[in-house]
Amino acid sequence: MTIEQNTAAPAATAEPAHTDLWVERTGTRLYTGRSSRGAEVKIGSQDVDGVFTPGELLKIALAACTGMSSDRPLSRRLGDDYDATIRVSGDADRENEVYPRISEILEVDLSELDPDAAQRLLVVVERAIDAVCTVGRTIKAGAEVDLKIETD
């Protein structure tokens, strides 16, 4: 009698574990954003030190997504230890309560590459960001937001 064991690795296409996200009120116009993975971020109004405003978090999410989306092509060409900074800005239109324009600047040193190689890399980086930056794609496309209010 033989016993067969399945030693195959789990499918690479398996969905990652779901992360719960929530925000709790911790003071007057002061909140803490939390994840089920243990992350925390302080959120509040612009006149409170040590917190991000919701709009700042939106912009930081975009910059982080740009960085993460460009990481693979940049590290493949420049090595895992390359430095990059993504600066992000955009003033709010307070009359309409929107950010009509958000600007990003990806700062990365390509001086070790010849100009043609640097230009080719920039094309690849821009394509990667356009293809996989979920935050940027969502902002550009717009998103429906469904709000339900539950009361006790």
N, C-alpha and C. Protein backbone atom coordinates (compact mmCIF):
# COMPACT_ATOMS: atom_id res chain seq x y z
N MET A 1 0.84 -1.15 0.00
CA MET A 1 0.00 0.00 0.00
C MET A 1 0.90 1.24 0.00
N THR A 2 0.57 2.21 -0.82
CA THR A 2 1.34 3.43 -0.87
C THR A 2 0.45 4.60 -0.52
N ILE A 3 1.08 5.60 0.06
CA ILE A 3 0.36 6.82 0.41
C ILE A 3 1.02 7.95 -0.36
N GLU A 4 0.21 8.66 -1.11
CA GLU A 4 0.74 9.80 -1.85
C GLU A 4 0.52 11.06 -1.04
N GLN A 5 1.53 11.89 -1.02
CA GLN A 5 1.41 13.16 -0.33
C GLN A 5 1.46 14.28 -1.36
N ASN A 6 0.63 15.25 -1.15
CA ASN A 6 0.64 16.42 -2.01
C ASN A 6 1.63 17.41 -1.43
N THR A 7 2.77 17.55 -2.09
CA THR A 7 3.81 18.47 -1.60
C THR A 7 3.89 19.73 -2.45
N ALA A 8 2.90 19.91 -3.29
CA ALA A 8 2.91 21.10 -4.14
C ALA A 8 2.75 22.35 -3.29
N ALA A 9 3.44 23.37 -3.69
CA ALA A 9 3.32 24.66 -2.99
C ALA A 9 1.94 25.25 -3.25
N PRO A 10 1.45 26.08 -2.33
CA PRO A 10 0.16 26.72 -2.57
C PRO A 10 0.21 27.54 -3.86
N ALA A 11 -0.93 27.65 -4.47
CA ALA A 11 -1.02 28.39 -5.73
C ALA A 11 -0.55 29.83 -5.53
N ALA A 12 0.24 30.31 -6.46
CA ALA A 12 0.77 31.67 -6.37
C ALA A 12 -0.31 32.73 -6.59
N THR A 13 -1.44 32.29 -7.11
CA THR A 13 -2.51 33.24 -7.40
C THR A 13 -3.49 33.37 -6.23
N ALA A 14 -3.18 32.75 -5.10
CA ALA A 14 -4.07 32.84 -3.96
C ALA A 14 -4.19 34.29 -3.50
N GLU A 15 -5.39 34.66 -3.11
CA GLU A 15 -5.65 36.03 -2.63
C GLU A 15 -4.92 36.26 -1.31
N PRO A 16 -4.33 37.44 -1.13
CA PRO A 16 -3.72 37.74 0.17
C PRO A 16 -4.81 37.85 1.23
N ALA A 17 -4.41 37.66 2.46
CA ALA A 17 -5.37 37.75 3.56
C ALA A 17 -6.00 39.14 3.59
N HIS A 18 -7.26 39.20 3.92
CA HIS A 18 -7.99 40.46 3.99
C HIS A 18 -7.51 41.27 5.19
N THR A 19 -7.32 42.56 5.01
CA THR A 19 -6.94 43.45 6.10
C THR A 19 -8.12 44.33 6.44
N ASP A 20 -8.56 44.29 7.68
CA ASP A 20 -9.62 45.18 8.14
C ASP A 20 -9.02 46.54 8.44
N LEU A 21 -9.72 47.60 8.06
CA LEU A 21 -9.30 48.97 8.30
C LEU A 21 -10.42 49.71 9.00
N TRP A 22 -10.06 50.56 9.97
CA TRP A 22 -11.06 51.38 10.64
C TRP A 22 -10.41 52.60 11.24
N VAL A 23 -11.23 53.57 11.57
CA VAL A 23 -10.77 54.80 12.19
C VAL A 23 -11.59 55.01 13.45
N GLU A 24 -10.92 55.31 14.55
CA GLU A 24 -11.59 55.54 15.83
C GLU A 24 -11.38 56.98 16.27
N ARG A 25 -12.41 57.58 16.78
CA ARG A 25 -12.30 58.94 17.32
C ARG A 25 -11.57 58.87 18.65
N THR A 26 -10.51 59.68 18.80
CA THR A 26 -9.71 59.67 20.02
C THR A 26 -9.67 61.03 20.69
N GLY A 27 -10.38 62.01 20.13
CA GLY A 27 -10.44 63.35 20.69
C GLY A 27 -11.19 64.27 19.74
N THR A 28 -11.25 65.53 20.10
CA THR A 28 -11.93 66.50 19.25
C THR A 28 -11.18 66.66 17.95
N ARG A 29 -11.81 66.28 16.84
CA ARG A 29 -11.22 66.31 15.50
C ARG A 29 -9.88 65.56 15.45
N LEU A 30 -9.81 64.49 16.24
CA LEU A 30 -8.61 63.66 16.31
C LEU A 30 -9.03 62.19 16.22
N TYR A 31 -8.40 61.46 15.30
CA TYR A 31 -8.74 60.06 15.05
C TYR A 31 -7.47 59.25 14.94
N THR A 32 -7.61 57.94 15.11
CA THR A 32 -6.51 57.02 14.87
C THR A 32 -6.99 55.99 13.86
N GLY A 33 -6.27 55.91 12.75
CA GLY A 33 -6.56 54.89 11.75
C GLY A 33 -5.82 53.62 12.13
N ARG A 34 -6.49 52.49 11.99
CA ARG A 34 -5.90 51.21 12.41
C ARG A 34 -6.12 50.14 11.35
N SER A 35 -5.24 49.15 11.38
CA SER A 35 -5.41 47.98 10.52
C SER A 35 -5.34 46.73 11.38
N SER A 36 -5.93 45.66 10.86
CA SER A 36 -5.88 44.39 11.58
C SER A 36 -4.47 43.79 11.59
N ARG A 37 -3.53 44.39 10.87
CA ARG A 37 -2.14 43.97 10.90
C ARG A 37 -1.33 44.74 11.92
N GLY A 38 -1.98 45.60 12.73
CA GLY A 38 -1.32 46.29 13.82
C GLY A 38 -0.78 47.67 13.49
N ALA A 39 -1.04 48.19 12.30
CA ALA A 39 -0.55 49.52 11.94
C ALA A 39 -1.47 50.59 12.50
N GLU A 40 -0.90 51.75 12.79
CA GLU A 40 -1.67 52.90 13.29
C GLU A 40 -1.16 54.17 12.64
N VAL A 41 -2.07 55.12 12.45
CA VAL A 41 -1.70 56.45 11.97
C VAL A 41 -2.62 57.46 12.65
N LYS A 42 -2.02 58.54 13.12
CA LYS A 42 -2.78 59.60 13.79
C LYS A 42 -3.31 60.56 12.73
N ILE A 43 -4.57 60.91 12.85
CA ILE A 43 -5.25 61.75 11.86
C ILE A 43 -5.96 62.87 12.59
N GLY A 44 -5.82 64.07 12.07
CA GLY A 44 -6.50 65.20 12.71
C GLY A 44 -6.50 66.41 11.81
N SER A 45 -6.86 67.52 12.38
CA SER A 45 -6.90 68.74 11.59
C SER A 45 -5.51 69.36 11.49
N GLN A 46 -5.38 70.26 10.55
CA GLN A 46 -4.08 70.84 10.22
C GLN A 46 -3.46 71.62 11.38
N ASP A 47 -4.26 72.06 12.32
CA ASP A 47 -3.72 72.84 13.44
C ASP A 47 -3.21 71.97 14.59
N VAL A 48 -3.21 70.65 14.42
CA VAL A 48 -2.74 69.72 15.45
C VAL A 48 -1.39 69.16 15.01
N ASP A 49 -0.37 69.30 15.86
CA ASP A 49 0.95 68.75 15.56
C ASP A 49 0.93 67.23 15.68
N GLY A 50 1.77 66.57 14.89
CA GLY A 50 1.97 65.13 15.01
C GLY A 50 0.90 64.27 14.37
N VAL A 51 0.07 64.87 13.53
CA VAL A 51 -0.98 64.09 12.86
C VAL A 51 -0.97 64.41 11.37
N PHE A 52 -1.54 63.53 10.59
CA PHE A 52 -1.79 63.78 9.18
C PHE A 52 -3.24 64.19 9.01
N THR A 53 -3.50 65.09 8.07
CA THR A 53 -4.89 65.36 7.71
C THR A 53 -5.33 64.27 6.74
N PRO A 54 -6.64 64.06 6.57
CA PRO A 54 -7.08 63.07 5.59
C PRO A 54 -6.55 63.37 4.18
N GLY A 55 -6.52 64.65 3.79
CA GLY A 55 -6.00 65.00 2.48
C GLY A 55 -4.52 64.68 2.34
N GLU A 56 -3.76 64.90 3.40
CA GLU A 56 -2.34 64.56 3.37
C GLU A 56 -2.16 63.05 3.21
N LEU A 57 -3.00 62.28 3.89
CA LEU A 57 -2.92 60.82 3.75
C LEU A 57 -3.24 60.38 2.33
N LEU A 58 -4.20 61.04 1.70
CA LEU A 58 -4.53 60.73 0.31
C LEU A 58 -3.29 60.95 -0.57
N LYS A 59 -2.64 62.09 -0.39
CA LYS A 59 -1.46 62.40 -1.19
C LYS A 59 -0.30 61.46 -0.87
N ILE A 60 -0.11 61.14 0.40
CA ILE A 60 0.95 60.21 0.78
C ILE A 60 0.67 58.82 0.21
N ALA A 61 -0.59 58.40 0.21
CA ALA A 61 -0.94 57.11 -0.37
C ALA A 61 -0.59 57.08 -1.86
N LEU A 62 -0.86 58.18 -2.55
CA LEU A 62 -0.51 58.26 -3.97
C LEU A 62 1.00 58.17 -4.16
N ALA A 63 1.76 58.94 -3.38
CA ALA A 63 3.22 58.93 -3.50
C ALA A 63 3.79 57.56 -3.17
N ALA A 64 3.27 56.92 -2.13
CA ALA A 64 3.75 55.59 -1.75
C ALA A 64 3.44 54.57 -2.85
N CYS A 65 2.27 54.68 -3.44
CA CYS A 65 1.89 53.77 -4.52
C CYS A 65 2.80 53.97 -5.73
N THR A 66 3.11 55.21 -6.03
CA THR A 66 4.04 55.51 -7.13
C THR A 66 5.40 54.89 -6.84
N GLY A 67 5.89 55.05 -5.61
CA GLY A 67 7.17 54.47 -5.24
C GLY A 67 7.17 52.96 -5.33
N MET A 68 6.13 52.35 -4.79
CA MET A 68 6.07 50.89 -4.80
C MET A 68 5.90 50.35 -6.22
N SER A 69 5.15 51.07 -7.05
CA SER A 69 4.94 50.63 -8.43
C SER A 69 6.20 50.76 -9.27
N SER A 70 7.06 51.69 -8.92
CA SER A 70 8.30 51.89 -9.67
C SER A 70 9.47 51.10 -9.09
N ASP A 71 9.27 50.49 -7.94
CA ASP A 71 10.36 49.82 -7.23
C ASP A 71 11.00 48.70 -8.02
N ARG A 72 10.20 47.84 -8.61
CA ARG A 72 10.77 46.68 -9.30
C ARG A 72 11.61 47.09 -10.51
N PRO A 73 11.10 47.92 -11.43
CA PRO A 73 11.97 48.27 -12.55
C PRO A 73 13.20 49.07 -12.14
N LEU A 74 13.07 49.94 -11.14
CA LEU A 74 14.23 50.70 -10.70
C LEU A 74 15.26 49.82 -10.01
N SER A 75 14.82 48.93 -9.14
CA SER A 75 15.78 48.07 -8.43
C SER A 75 16.43 47.07 -9.38
N ARG A 76 15.70 46.63 -10.39
CA ARG A 76 16.27 45.71 -11.38
C ARG A 76 17.44 46.38 -12.11
N ARG A 77 17.31 47.66 -12.39
CA ARG A 77 18.35 48.38 -13.17
C ARG A 77 19.40 49.04 -12.28
N LEU A 78 18.98 49.53 -11.10
CA LEU A 78 19.90 50.29 -10.25
C LEU A 78 20.42 49.51 -9.06
N GLY A 79 19.82 48.37 -8.76
CA GLY A 79 20.19 47.59 -7.58
C GLY A 79 19.23 47.85 -6.44
N ASP A 80 19.18 46.92 -5.51
CA ASP A 80 18.21 47.01 -4.41
C ASP A 80 18.44 48.18 -3.46
N ASP A 81 19.62 48.76 -3.49
CA ASP A 81 19.92 49.82 -2.52
C ASP A 81 19.78 51.24 -3.09
N TYR A 82 19.05 51.38 -4.20
CA TYR A 82 18.90 52.73 -4.77
C TYR A 82 18.04 53.59 -3.84
N ASP A 83 18.27 54.89 -3.91
CA ASP A 83 17.49 55.85 -3.12
C ASP A 83 16.45 56.51 -4.01
N ALA A 84 15.29 56.73 -3.46
CA ALA A 84 14.24 57.45 -4.18
C ALA A 84 13.40 58.22 -3.18
N THR A 85 12.94 59.37 -3.60
CA THR A 85 12.00 60.18 -2.83
C THR A 85 10.89 60.59 -3.77
N ILE A 86 9.65 60.47 -3.33
CA ILE A 86 8.52 60.94 -4.11
C ILE A 86 7.90 62.09 -3.35
N ARG A 87 8.00 63.27 -3.92
CA ARG A 87 7.39 64.46 -3.32
C ARG A 87 6.01 64.62 -3.92
N VAL A 88 5.06 64.99 -3.07
CA VAL A 88 3.68 65.10 -3.53
C VAL A 88 3.09 66.37 -2.94
N SER A 89 2.30 67.07 -3.75
CA SER A 89 1.68 68.30 -3.29
C SER A 89 0.38 68.52 -4.05
N GLY A 90 -0.41 69.39 -3.53
CA GLY A 90 -1.66 69.77 -4.19
C GLY A 90 -2.52 70.53 -3.22
N ASP A 91 -2.92 71.71 -3.61
CA ASP A 91 -3.77 72.53 -2.75
C ASP A 91 -5.23 72.15 -2.92
N ALA A 92 -5.95 72.24 -1.83
CA ALA A 92 -7.38 71.94 -1.86
C ALA A 92 -8.15 73.13 -2.40
N ASP A 93 -9.19 72.86 -3.15
CA ASP A 93 -10.17 73.85 -3.55
C ASP A 93 -11.24 73.80 -2.45
N ARG A 94 -11.15 74.70 -1.48
CA ARG A 94 -12.03 74.67 -0.32
C ARG A 94 -13.48 74.99 -0.65
N GLU A 95 -13.70 75.71 -1.73
CA GLU A 95 -15.08 76.00 -2.12
C GLU A 95 -15.82 74.73 -2.53
N ASN A 96 -15.09 73.83 -3.20
CA ASN A 96 -15.70 72.57 -3.66
C ASN A 96 -15.23 71.35 -2.87
N GLU A 97 -14.30 71.56 -1.92
CA GLU A 97 -13.74 70.48 -1.10
C GLU A 97 -13.22 69.31 -1.93
N VAL A 98 -12.34 69.64 -2.86
CA VAL A 98 -11.65 68.64 -3.69
C VAL A 98 -10.20 69.08 -3.87
N TYR A 99 -9.38 68.13 -4.28
CA TYR A 99 -8.03 68.43 -4.73
C TYR A 99 -8.07 68.36 -6.25
N PRO A 100 -8.14 69.50 -6.94
CA PRO A 100 -8.27 69.45 -8.39
C PRO A 100 -7.00 68.97 -9.11
N ARG A 101 -5.86 69.14 -8.48
CA ARG A 101 -4.61 68.69 -9.10
C ARG A 101 -3.66 68.25 -7.99
N ILE A 102 -3.08 67.08 -8.19
CA ILE A 102 -2.05 66.57 -7.28
C ILE A 102 -0.80 66.35 -8.12
N SER A 103 0.31 66.92 -7.68
CA SER A 103 1.57 66.82 -8.41
C SER A 103 2.54 65.93 -7.66
N GLU A 104 3.22 65.08 -8.41
CA GLU A 104 4.24 64.21 -7.84
C GLU A 104 5.57 64.45 -8.55
N ILE A 105 6.63 64.34 -7.80
CA ILE A 105 7.98 64.37 -8.36
C ILE A 105 8.72 63.15 -7.81
N LEU A 106 9.12 62.26 -8.69
CA LEU A 106 9.92 61.10 -8.31
C LEU A 106 11.38 61.49 -8.50
N GLU A 107 12.12 61.55 -7.39
CA GLU A 107 13.54 61.90 -7.42
C GLU A 107 14.37 60.63 -7.31
N VAL A 108 15.14 60.36 -8.34
CA VAL A 108 15.99 59.17 -8.36
C VAL A 108 17.24 59.50 -9.18
N ASP A 109 18.38 59.01 -8.73
CA ASP A 109 19.66 59.29 -9.37
C ASP A 109 19.91 58.27 -10.48
N LEU A 110 19.90 58.76 -11.71
CA LEU A 110 20.19 57.91 -12.86
C LEU A 110 21.52 58.28 -13.51
N SER A 111 22.36 59.01 -12.79
CA SER A 111 23.61 59.53 -13.36
C SER A 111 24.59 58.44 -13.77
N GLU A 112 24.45 57.24 -13.23
CA GLU A 112 25.36 56.15 -13.62
C GLU A 112 24.95 55.50 -14.93
N LEU A 113 23.79 55.86 -15.45
CA LEU A 113 23.32 55.30 -16.72
C LEU A 113 23.63 56.28 -17.84
N ASP A 114 23.86 55.73 -19.03
CA ASP A 114 24.02 56.64 -20.18
C ASP A 114 22.64 57.23 -20.49
N PRO A 115 22.58 58.37 -21.17
CA PRO A 115 21.31 59.05 -21.39
C PRO A 115 20.23 58.19 -22.06
N ASP A 116 20.62 57.36 -23.03
CA ASP A 116 19.63 56.51 -23.70
C ASP A 116 19.07 55.46 -22.74
N ALA A 117 19.95 54.85 -21.95
CA ALA A 117 19.50 53.85 -20.98
C ALA A 117 18.60 54.49 -19.92
N ALA A 118 18.96 55.69 -19.48
CA ALA A 118 18.13 56.40 -18.50
C ALA A 118 16.75 56.70 -19.06
N GLN A 119 16.70 57.14 -20.31
CA GLN A 119 15.42 57.44 -20.94
C GLN A 119 14.56 56.19 -21.08
N ARG A 120 15.17 55.08 -21.49
CA ARG A 120 14.43 53.81 -21.61
C ARG A 120 13.89 53.38 -20.25
N LEU A 121 14.70 53.54 -19.20
CA LEU A 121 14.25 53.17 -17.85
C LEU A 121 13.07 54.04 -17.43
N LEU A 122 13.13 55.33 -17.71
CA LEU A 122 12.02 56.22 -17.34
C LEU A 122 10.73 55.83 -18.04
N VAL A 123 10.81 55.38 -19.27
CA VAL A 123 9.62 54.92 -19.99
C VAL A 123 9.05 53.68 -19.29
N VAL A 124 9.90 52.75 -18.92
CA VAL A 124 9.46 51.54 -18.22
C VAL A 124 8.84 51.89 -16.88
N VAL A 125 9.47 52.81 -16.15
CA VAL A 125 8.96 53.23 -14.84
C VAL A 125 7.59 53.87 -14.99
N GLU A 126 7.43 54.78 -15.93
CA GLU A 126 6.13 55.43 -16.13
C GLU A 126 5.06 54.41 -16.50
N ARG A 127 5.40 53.45 -17.35
CA ARG A 127 4.44 52.40 -17.72
C ARG A 127 4.05 51.55 -16.51
N ALA A 128 5.03 51.23 -15.67
CA ALA A 128 4.75 50.43 -14.48
C ALA A 128 3.81 51.18 -13.54
N ILE A 129 4.08 52.46 -13.33
CA ILE A 129 3.23 53.26 -12.46
C ILE A 129 1.82 53.34 -13.02
N ASP A 130 1.71 53.62 -14.32
CA ASP A 130 0.39 53.70 -14.96
C ASP A 130 -0.37 52.39 -14.89
N ALA A 131 0.36 51.27 -14.94
CA ALA A 131 -0.28 49.96 -14.97
C ALA A 131 -0.69 49.44 -13.60
N VAL A 132 0.12 49.71 -12.56
CA VAL A 132 -0.14 49.01 -11.30
C VAL A 132 -0.33 49.89 -10.08
N CYS A 133 -0.26 51.20 -10.22
CA CYS A 133 -0.49 52.06 -9.05
C CYS A 133 -2.00 52.19 -8.84
N THR A 134 -2.53 51.36 -7.96
CA THR A 134 -3.96 51.32 -7.71
C THR A 134 -4.50 52.65 -7.22
N VAL A 135 -3.76 53.33 -6.38
CA VAL A 135 -4.23 54.61 -5.84
C VAL A 135 -4.33 55.64 -6.97
N GLY A 136 -3.29 55.76 -7.77
CA GLY A 136 -3.32 56.69 -8.88
C GLY A 136 -4.41 56.36 -9.88
N ARG A 137 -4.55 55.08 -10.19
CA ARG A 137 -5.59 54.66 -11.14
C ARG A 137 -6.98 54.97 -10.59
N THR A 138 -7.17 54.80 -9.29
CA THR A 138 -8.46 55.08 -8.67
C THR A 138 -8.76 56.57 -8.70
N ILE A 139 -7.77 57.38 -8.36
CA ILE A 139 -7.98 58.84 -8.37
C ILE A 139 -8.32 59.30 -9.78
N LYS A 140 -7.58 58.82 -10.77
CA LYS A 140 -7.82 59.24 -12.15
C LYS A 140 -9.19 58.79 -12.66
N ALA A 141 -9.60 57.60 -12.27
CA ALA A 141 -10.87 57.07 -12.76
C ALA A 141 -12.07 57.56 -11.95
N GLY A 142 -11.81 57.98 -10.72
CA GLY A 142 -12.91 58.30 -9.82
C GLY A 142 -13.42 57.00 -9.21
N ALA A 143 -14.04 57.09 -8.08
CA ALA A 143 -14.54 55.89 -7.42
C ALA A 143 -15.87 56.20 -6.76
N GLU A 144 -16.77 55.24 -6.80
CA GLU A 144 -18.01 55.38 -6.04
C GLU A 144 -17.70 55.12 -4.58
N VAL A 145 -18.28 55.90 -3.71
CA VAL A 145 -18.12 55.69 -2.28
C VAL A 145 -19.51 55.43 -1.71
N ASP A 146 -19.67 54.29 -1.08
CA ASP A 146 -20.94 53.93 -0.46
C ASP A 146 -20.82 54.14 1.05
N LEU A 147 -21.67 54.96 1.61
CA LEU A 147 -21.66 55.23 3.04
C LEU A 147 -22.94 54.72 3.65
N LYS A 148 -22.81 53.91 4.71
CA LYS A 148 -23.97 53.45 5.48
C LYS A 148 -23.72 53.93 6.91
N ILE A 149 -24.72 54.47 7.55
CA ILE A 149 -24.60 54.94 8.92
C ILE A 149 -25.38 53.99 9.81
N GLU A 150 -24.68 53.39 10.78
CA GLU A 150 -25.33 52.47 11.72
C GLU A 150 -25.45 53.16 13.07
N THR A 151 -26.59 53.03 13.69
CA THR A 151 -26.83 53.63 14.99
C THR A 151 -27.25 52.56 15.98
N ASP A 152 -27.08 52.90 17.25
CA ASP A 152 -27.51 51.97 18.30
C ASP A 152 -28.95 52.24 18.66
